[in-house]
């Protein structure tokens, strides 16, 4: 896959922040994921994919004319499904050690806003006829984390593997990292912002992101 296509796949999964959402069509869940249909991460992958795909299709004309409505829709889904403060701490890495929750939130908000502004509109250009297949659901760290492995099926092309790392926040499973063809969003942004964070404080880097002096890029090549 080209770097541009890889960037779009990462951007799409991050922008909506719900597993297998933008490009997915409903597909049968694996047997291991059917026992607790309402609450398993795999079932969330499929349920969100169906709902959001239907919304994008039914409101496509509206979203094309009103990008503000598109941003509101994406933002709502992002906040609902993505554990962005925890993910931001992972992106900050060593720079986040001892950081206050307030500083982490400022960074998380700036990163999310940058992603929405840079890639949100690309959702309307993606081929929504692609299908997703959930391959497995693997518990990690004694079940505290779950990896949902899926792949996007593209007619005439090789499948694109997409993995989601999820953890339970209260009673809800939320995404905190996405890997497309093995490329981790957390690691990508950790590498991207390491140098600025060595020179400035977390709030200062967040301010630079908000001002457009730094931009979150889903793929670096």
C-alpha atoms as a PDB file:
ATOM      1  CA  UNK A   1       0.000   0.000   0.000  1.00  0.00           C
ATOM      2  CA  UNK A   2       1.232   3.520  -0.783  1.00  0.00           C
ATOM      3  CA  UNK A   3       2.159   5.841   2.065  1.00  0.00           C
ATOM      4  CA  UNK A   4      -0.731   8.115   1.076  1.00  0.00           C
ATOM      5  CA  UNK A   5      -3.228   5.253   1.294  1.00  0.00           C
ATOM      6  CA  UNK A   6      -1.745   4.073   4.571  1.00  0.00           C
ATOM      7  CA  UNK A   7      -2.083   7.601   5.939  1.00  0.00           C
ATOM      8  CA  UNK A   8      -5.754   7.697   4.930  1.00  0.00           C
ATOM      9  CA  UNK A   9      -6.476   4.353   6.588  1.00  0.00           C
ATOM     10  CA  UNK A  10      -4.820   5.472   9.827  1.00  0.00           C
ATOM     11  CA  UNK A  11      -6.552   8.843   9.678  1.00  0.00           C
ATOM     12  CA  UNK A  12      -9.945   7.270   9.115  1.00  0.00           C
ATOM     13  CA  UNK A  13      -9.681   4.869  12.035  1.00  0.00           C
ATOM     14  CA  UNK A  14      -8.383   7.614  14.317  1.00  0.00           C
ATOM     15  CA  UNK A  15     -10.773  10.313  13.211  1.00  0.00           C
ATOM     16  CA  UNK A  16     -13.803   8.222  14.004  1.00  0.00           C
ATOM     17  CA  UNK A  17     -12.044   6.368  16.828  1.00  0.00           C
ATOM     18  CA  UNK A  18     -14.473   3.492  16.793  1.00  0.00           C
ATOM     19  CA  UNK A  19     -13.181   0.104  15.672  1.00  0.00           C
ATOM     20  CA  UNK A  20     -13.720  -0.768  12.024  1.00  0.00           C
ATOM     21  CA  UNK A  21     -16.092   2.110  11.559  1.00  0.00           C
ATOM     22  CA  UNK A  22     -15.577   4.095   8.412  1.00  0.00           C
ATOM     23  CA  UNK A  23     -14.895   1.440   5.834  1.00  0.00           C
ATOM     24  CA  UNK A  24     -16.805  -1.407   7.387  1.00  0.00           C
ATOM     25  CA  UNK A  25     -19.883  -3.304   6.441  1.00  0.00           C
ATOM     26  CA  UNK A  26     -21.534  -5.718   8.832  1.00  0.00           C
ATOM     27  CA  UNK A  27     -19.822  -9.104   8.926  1.00  0.00           C
ATOM     28  CA  UNK A  28     -20.296 -12.218  11.075  1.00  0.00           C
ATOM     29  CA  UNK A  29     -18.461 -12.062  14.390  1.00  0.00           C
ATOM     30  CA  UNK A  30     -16.034 -14.850  15.243  1.00  0.00           C
ATOM     31  CA  UNK A  31     -17.454 -17.610  17.409  1.00  0.00           C
ATOM     32  CA  UNK A  32     -15.358 -16.591  20.418  1.00  0.00           C
ATOM     33  CA  UNK A  33     -16.919 -13.138  20.405  1.00  0.00           C
ATOM     34  CA  UNK A  34     -20.579 -14.119  20.346  1.00  0.00           C
ATOM     35  CA  UNK A  35     -21.070 -15.252  23.921  1.00  0.00           C
ATOM     36  CA  UNK A  36     -21.463 -11.758  25.383  1.00  0.00           C
ATOM     37  CA  UNK A  37     -22.736 -10.036  22.275  1.00  0.00           C
ATOM     38  CA  UNK A  38     -23.522  -6.623  23.733  1.00  0.00           C
ATOM     39  CA  UNK A  39     -20.300  -6.008  25.600  1.00  0.00           C
ATOM     40  CA  UNK A  40     -17.360  -7.644  23.841  1.00  0.00           C
ATOM     41  CA  UNK A  41     -14.820  -5.509  22.005  1.00  0.00           C
ATOM     42  CA  UNK A  42     -15.381  -7.506  18.817  1.00  0.00           C
ATOM     43  CA  UNK A  43     -19.102  -6.837  18.939  1.00  0.00           C
ATOM     44  CA  UNK A  44     -18.413  -3.128  19.451  1.00  0.00           C
ATOM     45  CA  UNK A  45     -16.280  -3.234  16.307  1.00  0.00           C
ATOM     46  CA  UNK A  46     -19.182  -4.556  14.282  1.00  0.00           C
ATOM     47  CA  UNK A  47     -21.972  -2.555  15.925  1.00  0.00           C
ATOM     48  CA  UNK A  48     -20.184   0.759  15.521  1.00  0.00           C
ATOM     49  CA  UNK A  49     -19.164  -0.024  11.964  1.00  0.00           C
ATOM     50  CA  UNK A  50     -22.773  -0.622  10.951  1.00  0.00           C
ATOM     51  CA  UNK A  51     -24.163   2.442  12.708  1.00  0.00           C
ATOM     52  CA  UNK A  52     -21.556   4.939  11.587  1.00  0.00           C
ATOM     53  CA  UNK A  53     -21.343   3.678   8.023  1.00  0.00           C
ATOM     54  CA  UNK A  54     -25.114   4.093   7.740  1.00  0.00           C
ATOM     55  CA  UNK A  55     -24.867   7.620   9.133  1.00  0.00           C
ATOM     56  CA  UNK A  56     -22.099   8.617   6.746  1.00  0.00           C
ATOM     57  CA  UNK A  57     -24.063   7.310   3.796  1.00  0.00           C
ATOM     58  CA  UNK A  58     -27.395   8.853   4.798  1.00  0.00           C
ATOM     59  CA  UNK A  59     -25.847  12.240   5.629  1.00  0.00           C
ATOM     60  CA  UNK A  60     -23.156  12.338   2.952  1.00  0.00           C
ATOM     61  CA  UNK A  61     -24.748  15.222   1.011  1.00  0.00           C
ATOM     62  CA  UNK A  62     -25.206  17.195   4.220  1.00  0.00           C
ATOM     63  CA  UNK A  63     -21.633  16.570   5.325  1.00  0.00           C
ATOM     64  CA  UNK A  64     -20.267  17.599   1.934  1.00  0.00           C
ATOM     65  CA  UNK A  65     -22.032  20.949   2.213  1.00  0.00           C
ATOM     66  CA  UNK A  66     -21.579  21.430   5.944  1.00  0.00           C
ATOM     67  CA  UNK A  67     -18.131  20.412   7.169  1.00  0.00           C
ATOM     68  CA  UNK A  68     -19.015  21.727  10.611  1.00  0.00           C
ATOM     69  CA  UNK A  69     -21.701  19.061  10.911  1.00  0.00           C
ATOM     70  CA  UNK A  70     -19.149  16.459   9.813  1.00  0.00           C
ATOM     71  CA  UNK A  71     -16.688  17.633  12.463  1.00  0.00           C
ATOM     72  CA  UNK A  72     -19.408  17.517  15.124  1.00  0.00           C
ATOM     73  CA  UNK A  73     -20.315  13.967  14.120  1.00  0.00           C
ATOM     74  CA  UNK A  74     -16.712  12.771  14.090  1.00  0.00           C
ATOM     75  CA  UNK A  75     -15.971  14.523  17.365  1.00  0.00           C
ATOM     76  CA  UNK A  76     -18.955  12.901  19.046  1.00  0.00           C
ATOM     77  CA  UNK A  77     -17.859   9.434  17.944  1.00  0.00           C
ATOM     78  CA  UNK A  78     -14.256  10.160  18.893  1.00  0.00           C
ATOM     79  CA  UNK A  79     -15.201  11.216  22.411  1.00  0.00           C
ATOM     80  CA  UNK A  80     -17.527   8.260  22.808  1.00  0.00           C
ATOM     81  CA  UNK A  81     -15.108   5.507  21.784  1.00  0.00           C
ATOM     82  CA  UNK A  82     -11.564   6.779  22.243  1.00  0.00           C
ATOM     83  CA  UNK A  83      -9.748   6.878  25.585  1.00  0.00           C
ATOM     84  CA  UNK A  84      -7.833   9.921  24.447  1.00  0.00           C
ATOM     85  CA  UNK A  85      -6.347  11.045  27.779  1.00  0.00           C
ATOM     86  CA  UNK A  86      -4.835   7.607  28.417  1.00  0.00           C
ATOM     87  CA  UNK A  87      -3.672   7.459  24.808  1.00  0.00           C
ATOM     88  CA  UNK A  88      -2.138  10.933  25.160  1.00  0.00           C
ATOM     89  CA  UNK A  89      -0.129   9.753  28.171  1.00  0.00           C
ATOM     90  CA  UNK A  90       1.215   6.904  26.050  1.00  0.00           C
ATOM     91  CA  UNK A  91       2.098   9.352  23.254  1.00  0.00           C
ATOM     92  CA  UNK A  92       3.862  11.615  25.740  1.00  0.00           C
ATOM     93  CA  UNK A  93       5.899   8.664  27.000  1.00  0.00           C
ATOM     94  CA  UNK A  94       8.729   9.740  29.283  1.00  0.00           C
ATOM     95  CA  UNK A  95       7.656  13.370  28.887  1.00  0.00           C
ATOM     96  CA  UNK A  96       4.356  12.551  30.575  1.00  0.00           C
ATOM     97  CA  UNK A  97       5.857  11.098  33.741  1.00  0.00           C
ATOM     98  CA  UNK A  98       4.610  13.178  36.628  1.00  0.00           C
ATOM     99  CA  UNK A  99       2.518  15.379  34.320  1.00  0.00           C
ATOM    100  CA  UNK A 100      -0.764  16.613  35.739  1.00  0.00           C
ATOM    101  CA  UNK A 101      -4.069  15.356  34.416  1.00  0.00           C
ATOM    102  CA  UNK A 102      -4.805  18.918  33.275  1.00  0.00           C
ATOM    103  CA  UNK A 103      -1.642  19.111  31.142  1.00  0.00           C
ATOM    104  CA  UNK A 104      -2.337  15.691  29.623  1.00  0.00           C
ATOM    105  CA  UNK A 105      -5.890  16.745  28.778  1.00  0.00           C
ATOM    106  CA  UNK A 106      -4.666  19.935  27.083  1.00  0.00           C
ATOM    107  CA  UNK A 107      -2.285  17.853  24.965  1.00  0.00           C
ATOM    108  CA  UNK A 108      -4.954  15.226  24.220  1.00  0.00           C
ATOM    109  CA  UNK A 109      -7.438  17.900  23.120  1.00  0.00           C
ATOM    110  CA  UNK A 110      -4.885  19.606  20.885  1.00  0.00           C
ATOM    111  CA  UNK A 111      -3.870  16.310  19.277  1.00  0.00           C
ATOM    112  CA  UNK A 112      -7.483  15.295  18.650  1.00  0.00           C
ATOM    113  CA  UNK A 113      -8.388  18.701  17.186  1.00  0.00           C
ATOM    114  CA  UNK A 114      -5.357  18.581  14.893  1.00  0.00           C
ATOM    115  CA  UNK A 115      -6.353  15.145  13.607  1.00  0.00           C
ATOM    116  CA  UNK A 116      -9.938  16.237  13.007  1.00  0.00           C
ATOM    117  CA  UNK A 117      -8.890  19.350  11.096  1.00  0.00           C
ATOM    118  CA  UNK A 118      -6.235  17.587   9.038  1.00  0.00           C
ATOM    119  CA  UNK A 119      -8.032  14.379   8.145  1.00  0.00           C
ATOM    120  CA  UNK A 120     -11.732  14.660   9.008  1.00  0.00           C
ATOM    121  CA  UNK A 121     -12.893  15.623   5.531  1.00  0.00           C
ATOM    122  CA  UNK A 122     -11.030  12.682   3.984  1.00  0.00           C
ATOM    123  CA  UNK A 123     -13.727  10.383   5.352  1.00  0.00           C
ATOM    124  CA  UNK A 124     -16.042  11.557   2.585  1.00  0.00           C
ATOM    125  CA  UNK A 125     -13.518  10.461  -0.050  1.00  0.00           C
ATOM    126  CA  UNK A 126     -13.086   6.909   1.182  1.00  0.00           C
ATOM    127  CA  UNK A 127     -14.685   3.917  -0.493  1.00  0.00           C
ATOM    128  CA  UNK A 128     -17.387   2.827   1.946  1.00  0.00           C
ATOM    129  CA  UNK A 129     -18.053  -0.349  -0.037  1.00  0.00           C
ATOM    130  CA  UNK A 130     -15.052  -1.999   1.565  1.00  0.00           C
ATOM    131  CA  UNK A 131     -15.797  -4.698   4.106  1.00  0.00           C
ATOM    132  CA  UNK A 132     -14.227  -5.573   7.421  1.00  0.00           C
ATOM    133  CA  UNK A 133     -13.627  -8.966   8.934  1.00  0.00           C
ATOM    134  CA  UNK A 134     -12.932  -9.450  12.620  1.00  0.00           C
ATOM    135  CA  UNK A 135     -10.300 -12.158  12.866  1.00  0.00           C
ATOM    136  CA  UNK A 136      -9.667 -12.517  16.577  1.00  0.00           C
ATOM    137  CA  UNK A 137     -10.042 -11.032  20.023  1.00  0.00           C
ATOM    138  CA  UNK A 138      -6.995 -11.560  22.239  1.00  0.00           C
ATOM    139  CA  UNK A 139      -6.899 -10.732  25.969  1.00  0.00           C
ATOM    140  CA  UNK A 140      -3.646  -9.182  27.178  1.00  0.00           C
ATOM    141  CA  UNK A 141      -2.323  -8.416  30.660  1.00  0.00           C
ATOM    142  CA  UNK A 142      -4.749 -10.807  32.289  1.00  0.00           C
ATOM    143  CA  UNK A 143      -7.682  -9.407  30.331  1.00  0.00           C
ATOM    144  CA  UNK A 144      -7.134  -5.767  31.314  1.00  0.00           C
ATOM    145  CA  UNK A 145      -6.404  -5.036  27.639  1.00  0.00           C
ATOM    146  CA  UNK A 146      -7.925  -6.635  24.553  1.00  0.00           C
ATOM    147  CA  UNK A 147      -6.537  -6.619  21.024  1.00  0.00           C
ATOM    148  CA  UNK A 148      -9.147  -6.882  18.287  1.00  0.00           C
ATOM    149  CA  UNK A 149      -7.521  -7.969  15.045  1.00  0.00           C
ATOM    150  CA  UNK A 150      -9.395  -7.212  11.849  1.00  0.00           C
ATOM    151  CA  UNK A 151      -8.733  -6.703   8.197  1.00  0.00           C
ATOM    152  CA  UNK A 152     -10.272  -4.490   5.557  1.00  0.00           C
ATOM    153  CA  UNK A 153     -11.258  -6.378   2.438  1.00  0.00           C
ATOM    154  CA  UNK A 154     -10.699  -4.415  -0.762  1.00  0.00           C
ATOM    155  CA  UNK A 155     -11.970  -5.779  -4.047  1.00  0.00           C
ATOM    156  CA  UNK A 156      -9.027  -6.719  -6.237  1.00  0.00           C
ATOM    157  CA  UNK A 157      -6.468  -5.823  -3.575  1.00  0.00           C
ATOM    158  CA  UNK A 158      -4.766  -7.449  -0.639  1.00  0.00           C
ATOM    159  CA  UNK A 159      -6.566  -7.137   2.721  1.00  0.00           C
ATOM    160  CA  UNK A 160      -5.335  -4.373   5.031  1.00  0.00           C
ATOM    161  CA  UNK A 161      -4.728  -5.555   8.618  1.00  0.00           C
ATOM    162  CA  UNK A 162      -6.043  -3.197  11.292  1.00  0.00           C
ATOM    163  CA  UNK A 163      -5.669  -3.945  15.002  1.00  0.00           C
ATOM    164  CA  UNK A 164      -7.282  -2.102  17.903  1.00  0.00           C
ATOM    165  CA  UNK A 165      -6.027  -2.053  21.484  1.00  0.00           C
ATOM    166  CA  UNK A 166      -8.842  -1.483  23.951  1.00  0.00           C
ATOM    167  CA  UNK A 167      -9.211  -1.215  27.709  1.00  0.00           C
ATOM    168  CA  UNK A 168     -12.201  -0.954  29.979  1.00  0.00           C
ATOM    169  CA  UNK A 169     -13.040   2.488  31.331  1.00  0.00           C
ATOM    170  CA  UNK A 170     -15.786   2.003  33.878  1.00  0.00           C
ATOM    171  CA  UNK A 171     -18.144  -0.394  32.117  1.00  0.00           C
ATOM    172  CA  UNK A 172     -17.208   0.559  28.548  1.00  0.00           C
ATOM    173  CA  UNK A 173     -14.449  -0.752  26.319  1.00  0.00           C
ATOM    174  CA  UNK A 174     -12.531   2.098  24.699  1.00  0.00           C
ATOM    175  CA  UNK A 175      -9.811   2.276  22.053  1.00  0.00           C
ATOM    176  CA  UNK A 176      -6.422   3.679  23.017  1.00  0.00           C
ATOM    177  CA  UNK A 177      -4.250   2.609  20.074  1.00  0.00           C
ATOM    178  CA  UNK A 178      -4.777   1.667  16.437  1.00  0.00           C
ATOM    179  CA  UNK A 179      -2.317  -0.247  14.263  1.00  0.00           C
ATOM    180  CA  UNK A 180      -2.641  -0.270  10.472  1.00  0.00           C
ATOM    181  CA  UNK A 181      -0.302  -2.726   8.742  1.00  0.00           C
ATOM    182  CA  UNK A 182       1.615  -2.863  12.003  1.00  0.00           C
ATOM    183  CA  UNK A 183       2.017   0.928  12.250  1.00  0.00           C
ATOM    184  CA  UNK A 184       0.959   2.098  15.727  1.00  0.00           C
ATOM    185  CA  UNK A 185      -0.646   5.511  16.071  1.00  0.00           C
ATOM    186  CA  UNK A 186       0.748   5.883  19.606  1.00  0.00           C
ATOM    187  CA  UNK A 187       4.300   5.091  18.509  1.00  0.00           C
ATOM    188  CA  UNK A 188       3.994   7.295  15.407  1.00  0.00           C
ATOM    189  CA  UNK A 189       2.969  10.351  17.415  1.00  0.00           C
ATOM    190  CA  UNK A 190       5.407   9.570  20.250  1.00  0.00           C
ATOM    191  CA  UNK A 191       8.243   9.721  17.715  1.00  0.00           C
ATOM    192  CA  UNK A 192       6.782  12.813  16.056  1.00  0.00           C
ATOM    193  CA  UNK A 193       6.481  14.901  19.220  1.00  0.00           C
ATOM    194  CA  UNK A 194       9.555  13.652  21.074  1.00  0.00           C
ATOM    195  CA  UNK A 195      11.852  16.437  19.832  1.00  0.00           C
ATOM    196  CA  UNK A 196       9.416  19.324  20.547  1.00  0.00           C
ATOM    197  CA  UNK A 197       8.701  17.926  24.032  1.00  0.00           C
ATOM    198  CA  UNK A 198      12.425  17.875  24.793  1.00  0.00           C
ATOM    199  CA  UNK A 199      12.511  21.629  24.145  1.00  0.00           C
ATOM    200  CA  UNK A 200       9.167  22.815  25.518  1.00  0.00           C
ATOM    201  CA  UNK A 201       6.625  21.990  28.203  1.00  0.00           C
ATOM    202  CA  UNK A 202       3.542  19.926  27.459  1.00  0.00           C
ATOM    203  CA  UNK A 203       1.226  22.998  27.482  1.00  0.00           C
ATOM    204  CA  UNK A 204       3.603  24.854  25.154  1.00  0.00           C
ATOM    205  CA  UNK A 205       3.672  21.968  22.664  1.00  0.00           C
ATOM    206  CA  UNK A 206      -0.113  21.713  22.915  1.00  0.00           C
ATOM    207  CA  UNK A 207      -0.367  25.432  22.170  1.00  0.00           C
ATOM    208  CA  UNK A 208       1.882  25.005  19.114  1.00  0.00           C
ATOM    209  CA  UNK A 209      -0.346  22.179  17.876  1.00  0.00           C
ATOM    210  CA  UNK A 210      -3.478  24.299  18.346  1.00  0.00           C
ATOM    211  CA  UNK A 211      -1.827  27.231  16.547  1.00  0.00           C
ATOM    212  CA  UNK A 212      -0.878  25.023  13.596  1.00  0.00           C
ATOM    213  CA  UNK A 213       2.852  25.374  14.211  1.00  0.00           C
ATOM    214  CA  UNK A 214       2.945  21.605  14.723  1.00  0.00           C
ATOM    215  CA  UNK A 215       0.602  19.186  12.966  1.00  0.00           C
ATOM    216  CA  UNK A 216      -0.347  15.657  13.878  1.00  0.00           C
ATOM    217  CA  UNK A 217       0.424  13.445  10.895  1.00  0.00           C
ATOM    218  CA  UNK A 218      -0.976   9.938  10.740  1.00  0.00           C
ATOM    219  CA  UNK A 219       1.927   8.752   8.595  1.00  0.00           C
ATOM    220  CA  UNK A 220       5.376  10.245   8.475  1.00  0.00           C
ATOM    221  CA  UNK A 221       6.573   9.059   5.058  1.00  0.00           C
END
